[in-house]
């Protein structure tokens, strides 16, 4: 069985579908992880611990439409779990400390690592969305939120 594809090379691209300039992904993610604007690298992207600013204070790039949602906690849990669990098992196998020592060691370390990683991970994800023109970072894209439903004419 042979499959033959025919490519029409005379297809014209409409003017509105021009390719956007490439944004570097890794530098954008690193800037976001360091709480710096992905566009200029000067302004900060966070207003609070995890609350993003509406826009960059230096260049005006908007951040309010990012959609990180549940990804930062998910990645944080995954990273912290992959560090803490093997370390806990190694300590248990080689030294067999009492349970209170495990609790005194691993609970604070887990909480500290989770809080320390959450913000850089969220910043990196916002940087990734910016670099790939996702979720409102594309000025030419339509709104990706569903339209609000029309109010019902029937009043109860």
Protein backbone atom coordinates (compact mmCIF):
# COMPACT_ATOMS: atom_id res chain seq x y z
CA UNK A 1 0.00 0.00 0.00
CA UNK A 2 1.42 3.34 -1.04
CA UNK A 3 0.19 6.71 0.10
CA UNK A 4 0.80 9.69 -2.13
CA UNK A 5 0.32 13.23 -0.86
CA UNK A 6 -0.15 16.08 -3.26
CA UNK A 7 0.96 19.47 -2.04
CA UNK A 8 -0.43 22.55 -3.66
CA UNK A 9 2.50 24.96 -3.59
CA UNK A 10 0.48 27.81 -5.06
CA UNK A 11 -1.55 28.37 -1.91
CA UNK A 12 -1.51 32.02 -0.92
CA UNK A 13 -1.30 33.01 2.71
CA UNK A 14 -3.72 35.79 3.66
CA UNK A 15 -2.18 39.02 4.91
CA UNK A 16 -3.67 38.58 8.41
CA UNK A 17 -1.93 35.21 8.90
CA UNK A 18 1.64 36.49 8.82
CA UNK A 19 4.07 34.79 11.14
CA UNK A 20 4.62 36.54 14.45
CA UNK A 21 8.16 37.30 15.59
CA UNK A 22 9.64 34.47 17.62
CA UNK A 23 9.98 35.02 21.31
CA UNK A 24 12.79 33.13 23.04
CA UNK A 25 11.26 30.50 25.34
CA UNK A 26 14.08 29.75 27.79
CA UNK A 27 15.01 33.39 28.53
CA UNK A 28 11.30 34.21 29.00
CA UNK A 29 10.87 31.34 31.45
CA UNK A 30 14.06 32.29 33.35
CA UNK A 31 12.96 35.93 33.58
CA UNK A 32 9.53 34.85 34.81
CA UNK A 33 11.11 32.54 37.39
CA UNK A 34 13.19 35.49 38.64
CA UNK A 35 10.09 37.75 38.91
CA UNK A 36 11.13 39.85 35.93
CA UNK A 37 9.08 40.96 32.95
CA UNK A 38 9.48 38.53 30.07
CA UNK A 39 9.49 41.37 27.55
CA UNK A 40 11.95 43.87 29.01
CA UNK A 41 13.52 42.04 31.95
CA UNK A 42 13.21 45.10 34.20
CA UNK A 43 9.76 45.25 35.78
CA UNK A 44 8.37 42.66 38.16
CA UNK A 45 5.46 40.39 37.28
CA UNK A 46 4.18 39.65 40.80
CA UNK A 47 2.27 42.09 42.97
CA UNK A 48 1.96 39.71 45.93
CA UNK A 49 3.20 36.23 46.69
CA UNK A 50 1.36 34.66 43.71
CA UNK A 51 -0.79 37.54 42.43
CA UNK A 52 0.44 38.85 39.10
CA UNK A 53 0.49 42.53 38.28
CA UNK A 54 -1.92 43.85 35.69
CA UNK A 55 1.01 45.01 33.54
CA UNK A 56 4.76 45.56 33.70
CA UNK A 57 5.74 48.79 35.43
CA UNK A 58 8.66 49.34 33.03
CA UNK A 59 7.38 48.45 29.53
CA UNK A 60 3.61 48.05 29.97
CA UNK A 61 3.40 44.38 28.84
CA UNK A 62 0.12 42.99 30.21
CA UNK A 63 0.14 39.91 32.45
CA UNK A 64 -3.42 39.88 33.76
CA UNK A 65 -4.72 37.42 31.15
CA UNK A 66 -2.31 34.59 31.91
CA UNK A 67 -3.90 31.21 32.65
CA UNK A 68 -1.45 29.34 34.90
CA UNK A 69 -4.40 27.93 36.91
CA UNK A 70 -3.43 24.70 38.73
CA UNK A 71 -0.16 24.04 36.92
CA UNK A 72 2.20 25.75 39.45
CA UNK A 73 0.95 23.73 42.45
CA UNK A 74 0.97 20.55 40.37
CA UNK A 75 4.59 21.02 39.26
CA UNK A 76 5.59 22.10 42.77
CA UNK A 77 4.09 18.97 44.31
CA UNK A 78 5.79 16.82 41.68
CA UNK A 79 9.24 18.37 42.22
CA UNK A 80 9.03 18.44 46.02
CA UNK A 81 7.73 14.87 46.10
CA UNK A 82 10.56 13.65 43.91
CA UNK A 83 13.11 15.25 46.24
CA UNK A 84 11.58 14.58 49.67
CA UNK A 85 10.39 10.97 49.26
CA UNK A 86 13.74 9.49 48.10
CA UNK A 87 15.58 11.46 50.78
CA UNK A 88 13.13 10.28 53.44
CA UNK A 89 13.52 6.67 52.31
CA UNK A 90 17.31 6.89 52.31
CA UNK A 91 17.34 8.31 55.84
CA UNK A 92 14.94 5.60 57.01
CA UNK A 93 16.91 2.75 55.44
CA UNK A 94 20.36 3.84 56.65
CA UNK A 95 19.67 5.39 60.07
CA UNK A 96 16.13 4.31 61.12
CA UNK A 97 15.41 7.40 63.26
CA UNK A 98 12.35 7.71 65.49
CA UNK A 99 9.13 8.97 63.91
CA UNK A 100 9.35 12.31 65.71
CA UNK A 101 12.71 12.96 64.03
CA UNK A 102 11.14 12.28 60.64
CA UNK A 103 8.29 14.64 61.46
CA UNK A 104 10.64 17.35 62.74
CA UNK A 105 12.83 17.07 59.65
CA UNK A 106 10.58 16.34 56.67
CA UNK A 107 7.45 18.37 57.41
CA UNK A 108 9.22 21.74 57.69
CA UNK A 109 11.47 20.88 54.74
CA UNK A 110 8.44 19.98 52.61
CA UNK A 111 6.62 23.18 53.52
CA UNK A 112 9.73 25.31 52.95
CA UNK A 113 10.47 23.76 49.55
CA UNK A 114 6.85 24.11 48.46
CA UNK A 115 6.71 27.79 49.36
CA UNK A 116 10.15 28.46 47.88
CA UNK A 117 9.35 26.83 44.51
CA UNK A 118 5.75 27.93 43.95
CA UNK A 119 6.47 31.50 42.85
CA UNK A 120 9.39 30.75 40.48
CA UNK A 121 7.40 27.93 38.89
CA UNK A 122 4.38 30.19 38.35
CA UNK A 123 6.63 32.90 36.91
CA UNK A 124 8.24 30.40 34.55
CA UNK A 125 4.81 29.20 33.37
CA UNK A 126 3.64 32.75 32.73
CA UNK A 127 6.89 33.30 30.82
CA UNK A 128 6.24 30.16 28.76
CA UNK A 129 2.73 31.36 27.92
CA UNK A 130 4.11 34.75 26.90
CA UNK A 131 6.83 33.23 24.70
CA UNK A 132 4.37 30.93 22.91
CA UNK A 133 1.65 33.61 22.47
CA UNK A 134 -0.78 31.64 24.62
CA UNK A 135 -3.89 32.79 26.53
CA UNK A 136 -4.17 36.44 25.63
CA UNK A 137 -0.49 37.13 25.04
CA UNK A 138 -1.21 37.10 21.29
CA UNK A 139 -2.50 40.58 20.39
CA UNK A 140 -4.08 39.26 17.16
CA UNK A 141 -5.95 36.33 18.71
CA UNK A 142 -9.59 36.38 19.66
CA UNK A 143 -10.58 36.08 23.28
CA UNK A 144 -10.29 32.43 24.32
CA UNK A 145 -12.89 32.70 27.05
CA UNK A 146 -16.38 31.49 26.15
CA UNK A 147 -18.95 34.26 25.64
CA UNK A 148 -21.34 34.98 28.47
CA UNK A 149 -24.78 33.45 27.96
CA UNK A 150 -27.68 35.74 27.16
CA UNK A 151 -29.90 36.46 30.16
CA UNK A 152 -33.13 34.55 30.22
CA UNK A 153 -36.27 36.47 29.25
CA UNK A 154 -38.28 34.48 31.75
CA UNK A 155 -38.02 35.90 35.25
CA UNK A 156 -38.79 33.58 38.12
